[in-house]
C-alpha atoms as a PDB file:
ATOM      1  CA  MET A   1     -67.242   9.969 -29.745  1.00  0.00           C
ATOM      2  CA  LYS A   2     -64.762  12.169 -31.618  1.00  0.00           C
ATOM      3  CA  ALA A   3     -60.981  12.011 -31.952  1.00  0.00           C
ATOM      4  CA  LYS A   4     -59.352  14.540 -29.645  1.00  0.00           C
ATOM      5  CA  VAL A   5     -55.697  13.485 -30.033  1.00  0.00           C
ATOM      6  CA  ILE A   6     -54.018  11.263 -32.631  1.00  0.00           C
ATOM      7  CA  THR A   7     -50.463  10.133 -31.917  1.00  0.00           C
ATOM      8  CA  ILE A   8     -48.572   8.534 -34.797  1.00  0.00           C
ATOM      9  CA  SER A   9     -45.361   6.662 -33.969  1.00  0.00           C
ATOM     10  CA  ALA A  10     -42.918   5.325 -36.545  1.00  0.00           C
ATOM     11  CA  ASP A  11     -39.174   4.766 -36.582  1.00  0.00           C
ATOM     12  CA  ASN A  12     -37.432   7.714 -38.229  1.00  0.00           C
ATOM     13  CA  TRP A  13     -40.739   9.498 -38.900  1.00  0.00           C
ATOM     14  CA  ASP A  14     -38.929  12.452 -40.461  1.00  0.00           C
ATOM     15  CA  GLN A  15     -37.198  10.192 -43.029  1.00  0.00           C
ATOM     16  CA  LEU A  16     -39.767   7.514 -43.860  1.00  0.00           C
ATOM     17  CA  ASN A  17     -41.138   6.817 -47.334  1.00  0.00           C
ATOM     18  CA  PRO A  18     -44.918   7.366 -46.924  1.00  0.00           C
ATOM     19  CA  GLN A  19     -45.724   4.805 -49.628  1.00  0.00           C
ATOM     20  CA  ASP A  20     -43.627   2.065 -47.961  1.00  0.00           C
ATOM     21  CA  ALA A  21     -43.977   2.331 -44.206  1.00  0.00           C
ATOM     22  CA  ASN A  22     -45.998   1.388 -41.159  1.00  0.00           C
ATOM     23  CA  ALA A  23     -46.879   3.271 -38.004  1.00  0.00           C
ATOM     24  CA  ASN A  24     -48.541   2.721 -34.664  1.00  0.00           C
ATOM     25  CA  VAL A  25     -51.512   5.009 -34.096  1.00  0.00           C
ATOM     26  CA  LEU A  26     -53.027   5.907 -30.728  1.00  0.00           C
ATOM     27  CA  VAL A  27     -56.359   7.744 -30.775  1.00  0.00           C
ATOM     28  CA  THR A  28     -57.573   9.528 -27.669  1.00  0.00           C
ATOM     29  CA  CYS A  29     -61.260  10.381 -27.907  1.00  0.00           C
ATOM     30  CA  ASP A  30     -63.221  13.181 -26.282  1.00  0.00           C
ATOM     31  CA  ASP A  31     -64.789  10.618 -23.934  1.00  0.00           C
ATOM     32  CA  THR A  32     -61.199   9.843 -22.694  1.00  0.00           C
ATOM     33  CA  THR A  33     -61.111   6.347 -24.214  1.00  0.00           C
ATOM     34  CA  GLN A  34     -57.947   5.380 -26.080  1.00  0.00           C
ATOM     35  CA  TRP A  35     -57.691   3.079 -29.075  1.00  0.00           C
ATOM     36  CA  GLU A  36     -54.675   1.770 -30.952  1.00  0.00           C
ATOM     37  CA  ALA A  37     -53.959   0.147 -34.300  1.00  0.00           C
ATOM     38  CA  THR A  38     -51.063  -0.253 -36.708  1.00  0.00           C
ATOM     39  CA  PHE A  39     -51.341   1.323 -40.144  1.00  0.00           C
ATOM     40  CA  TYR A  40     -49.456  -0.243 -43.067  1.00  0.00           C
ATOM     41  CA  SER A  41     -49.121   1.118 -46.571  1.00  0.00           C
ATOM     42  CA  TYR A  42     -50.029  -1.364 -49.293  1.00  0.00           C
ATOM     43  CA  ARG A  43     -46.475  -1.299 -50.614  1.00  0.00           C
ATOM     44  CA  ASN A  44     -45.072  -1.949 -47.148  1.00  0.00           C
ATOM     45  CA  ILE A  45     -46.881  -5.299 -47.005  1.00  0.00           C
ATOM     46  CA  ILE A  46     -45.122  -6.324 -50.231  1.00  0.00           C
ATOM     47  CA  SER A  47     -41.757  -5.119 -48.902  1.00  0.00           C
ATOM     48  CA  LEU A  48     -42.220  -7.029 -45.653  1.00  0.00           C
ATOM     49  CA  ALA A  49     -43.216 -10.202 -47.534  1.00  0.00           C
ATOM     50  CA  LYS A  50     -40.078  -9.950 -49.710  1.00  0.00           C
ATOM     51  CA  LYS A  51     -37.892  -9.363 -46.640  1.00  0.00           C
ATOM     52  CA  ASN A  52     -39.500 -12.279 -44.815  1.00  0.00           C
ATOM     53  CA  SER A  53     -39.064 -14.597 -47.815  1.00  0.00           C
ATOM     54  CA  THR A  54     -35.323 -14.673 -47.110  1.00  0.00           C
ATOM     55  CA  SER A  55     -35.773 -15.354 -43.404  1.00  0.00           C
ATOM     56  CA  ALA A  56     -37.823 -17.758 -41.374  1.00  0.00           C
ATOM     57  CA  GLU A  57     -40.222 -15.003 -40.337  1.00  0.00           C
ATOM     58  CA  LEU A  58     -43.896 -15.645 -41.050  1.00  0.00           C
ATOM     59  CA  TYR A  59     -43.133 -18.967 -42.704  1.00  0.00           C
ATOM     60  CA  PHE A  60     -40.632 -17.437 -45.112  1.00  0.00           C
ATOM     61  CA  GLY A  61     -43.021 -14.659 -46.123  1.00  0.00           C
ATOM     62  CA  GLN A  62     -45.805 -17.060 -47.049  1.00  0.00           C
ATOM     63  CA  TYR A  63     -48.325 -15.082 -44.977  1.00  0.00           C
ATOM     64  CA  PHE A  64     -48.613 -11.776 -43.174  1.00  0.00           C
ATOM     65  CA  PHE A  65     -50.527 -11.048 -40.014  1.00  0.00           C
ATOM     66  CA  ALA A  66     -50.661  -8.171 -37.602  1.00  0.00           C
ATOM     67  CA  PRO A  67     -53.317  -7.573 -34.956  1.00  0.00           C
ATOM     68  CA  ASN A  68     -55.318  -4.357 -35.280  1.00  0.00           C
ATOM     69  CA  MET A  69     -54.019  -3.766 -38.809  1.00  0.00           C
ATOM     70  CA  LEU A  70     -55.285  -1.117 -41.220  1.00  0.00           C
ATOM     71  CA  LEU A  71     -54.059  -0.816 -44.810  1.00  0.00           C
ATOM     72  CA  VAL A  72     -53.768   2.656 -46.330  1.00  0.00           C
ATOM     73  CA  GLU A  73     -52.338   4.225 -49.458  1.00  0.00           C
ATOM     74  CA  GLU A  74     -49.659   6.097 -47.519  1.00  0.00           C
ATOM     75  CA  ILE A  75     -48.372   6.674 -44.010  1.00  0.00           C
ATOM     76  CA  SER A  76     -48.796  10.401 -43.581  1.00  0.00           C
ATOM     77  CA  GLN A  77     -50.337  12.686 -41.006  1.00  0.00           C
ATOM     78  CA  SER A  78     -53.161  13.755 -43.334  1.00  0.00           C
ATOM     79  CA  SER A  79     -53.965  10.238 -44.565  1.00  0.00           C
ATOM     80  CA  ILE A  80     -54.072   8.736 -41.079  1.00  0.00           C
ATOM     81  CA  CYS A  81     -56.131  11.599 -39.616  1.00  0.00           C
ATOM     82  CA  ASP A  82     -58.607  11.417 -42.509  1.00  0.00           C
ATOM     83  CA  VAL A  83     -59.049   7.646 -42.122  1.00  0.00           C
ATOM     84  CA  VAL A  84     -59.443   7.842 -38.328  1.00  0.00           C
ATOM     85  CA  LYS A  85     -62.040  10.633 -38.565  1.00  0.00           C
ATOM     86  CA  PHE A  86     -63.946   8.810 -41.317  1.00  0.00           C
ATOM     87  CA  LEU A  87     -64.041   5.547 -39.386  1.00  0.00           C
ATOM     88  CA  ILE A  88     -65.218   7.197 -36.172  1.00  0.00           C
ATOM     89  CA  ASP A  89     -67.820   9.378 -37.929  1.00  0.00           C
ATOM     90  CA  GLU A  90     -69.067   7.046 -40.666  1.00  0.00           C
ATOM     91  CA  LYS A  91     -67.969   3.472 -39.870  1.00  0.00           C
ATOM     92  CA  ARG A  92     -67.867   3.253 -36.079  1.00  0.00           C
ATOM     93  CA  GLU A  93     -68.278  -0.540 -36.096  1.00  0.00           C
ATOM     94  CA  VAL A  94     -65.169  -0.888 -38.296  1.00  0.00           C
ATOM     95  CA  PHE A  95     -63.242   1.456 -35.993  1.00  0.00           C
ATOM     96  CA  GLU A  96     -64.211  -0.536 -32.904  1.00  0.00           C
ATOM     97  CA  LYS A  97     -63.377  -3.888 -34.548  1.00  0.00           C
ATOM     98  CA  THR A  98     -60.048  -2.742 -35.963  1.00  0.00           C
ATOM     99  CA  PHE A  99     -58.707  -0.552 -33.186  1.00  0.00           C
ATOM    100  CA  GLN A 100     -58.054  -2.095 -29.789  1.00  0.00           C
ATOM    101  CA  LYS A 101     -59.342  -0.223 -26.765  1.00  0.00           C
ATOM    102  CA  VAL A 102     -56.489   0.309 -24.303  1.00  0.00           C
ATOM    103  CA  ASP A 103     -56.006   1.635 -20.808  1.00  0.00           C
ATOM    104  CA  SER A 104     -55.228   5.337 -20.782  1.00  0.00           C
ATOM    105  CA  LYS A 105     -51.574   5.811 -21.736  1.00  0.00           C
ATOM    106  CA  ASN A 106     -50.919   9.544 -21.648  1.00  0.00           C
ATOM    107  CA  GLU A 107     -52.506  12.942 -21.739  1.00  0.00           C
ATOM    108  CA  VAL A 108     -51.822  15.752 -24.175  1.00  0.00           C
ATOM    109  CA  SER A 109     -52.994  19.242 -23.381  1.00  0.00           C
ATOM    110  CA  GLU A 110     -55.146  21.144 -25.854  1.00  0.00           C
ATOM    111  CA  GLY A 111     -52.490  23.829 -26.288  1.00  0.00           C
ATOM    112  CA  ASP A 112     -50.057  21.387 -27.892  1.00  0.00           C
ATOM    113  CA  GLU A 113     -51.884  21.286 -31.289  1.00  0.00           C
ATOM    114  CA  ILE A 114     -49.089  19.554 -33.234  1.00  0.00           C
ATOM    115  CA  SER A 115     -45.807  18.319 -31.860  1.00  0.00           C
ATOM    116  CA  ARG A 116     -43.294  16.570 -34.065  1.00  0.00           C
ATOM    117  CA  GLY A 117     -40.443  14.346 -33.119  1.00  0.00           C
ATOM    118  CA  ARG A 118     -37.962  12.009 -34.729  1.00  0.00           C
ATOM    119  CA  ASN A 119     -40.269   9.070 -34.108  1.00  0.00           C
ATOM    120  CA  GLY A 120     -43.690  10.545 -34.725  1.00  0.00           C
ATOM    121  CA  VAL A 121     -46.245  13.284 -34.485  1.00  0.00           C
ATOM    122  CA  THR A 122     -49.095  14.166 -32.113  1.00  0.00           C
ATOM    123  CA  ILE A 123     -52.109  16.077 -33.404  1.00  0.00           C
ATOM    124  CA  VAL A 124     -54.589  17.691 -31.009  1.00  0.00           C
ATOM    125  CA  PHE A 125     -58.041  18.710 -32.278  1.00  0.00           C
END
């Protein structure tokens, strides 16, 4: 199994602070399976806890939980692609426990290579 397409979705992708952000990641593999997880930067967890401490969310910021969560240094195309490739190639069991297998969502043709939008980026290998 190898990553064929990685789609990264985040609000205002073109304006986000990579050290303080989170993004949804959809990986389409060469065997046509699709897997998704949410990547958070370490700093983003702290920012969310501070924000939640002034609201009733997550028991006033006393805990944080997100299903299929991965923590990374920064939310960037290179960081996310590197982590995904490493997990699939070297730590498959971690990939399969962290990412959730999903029904096929969409197809991207091989000619697309990289497409960027306001809310994310799609990388085709």
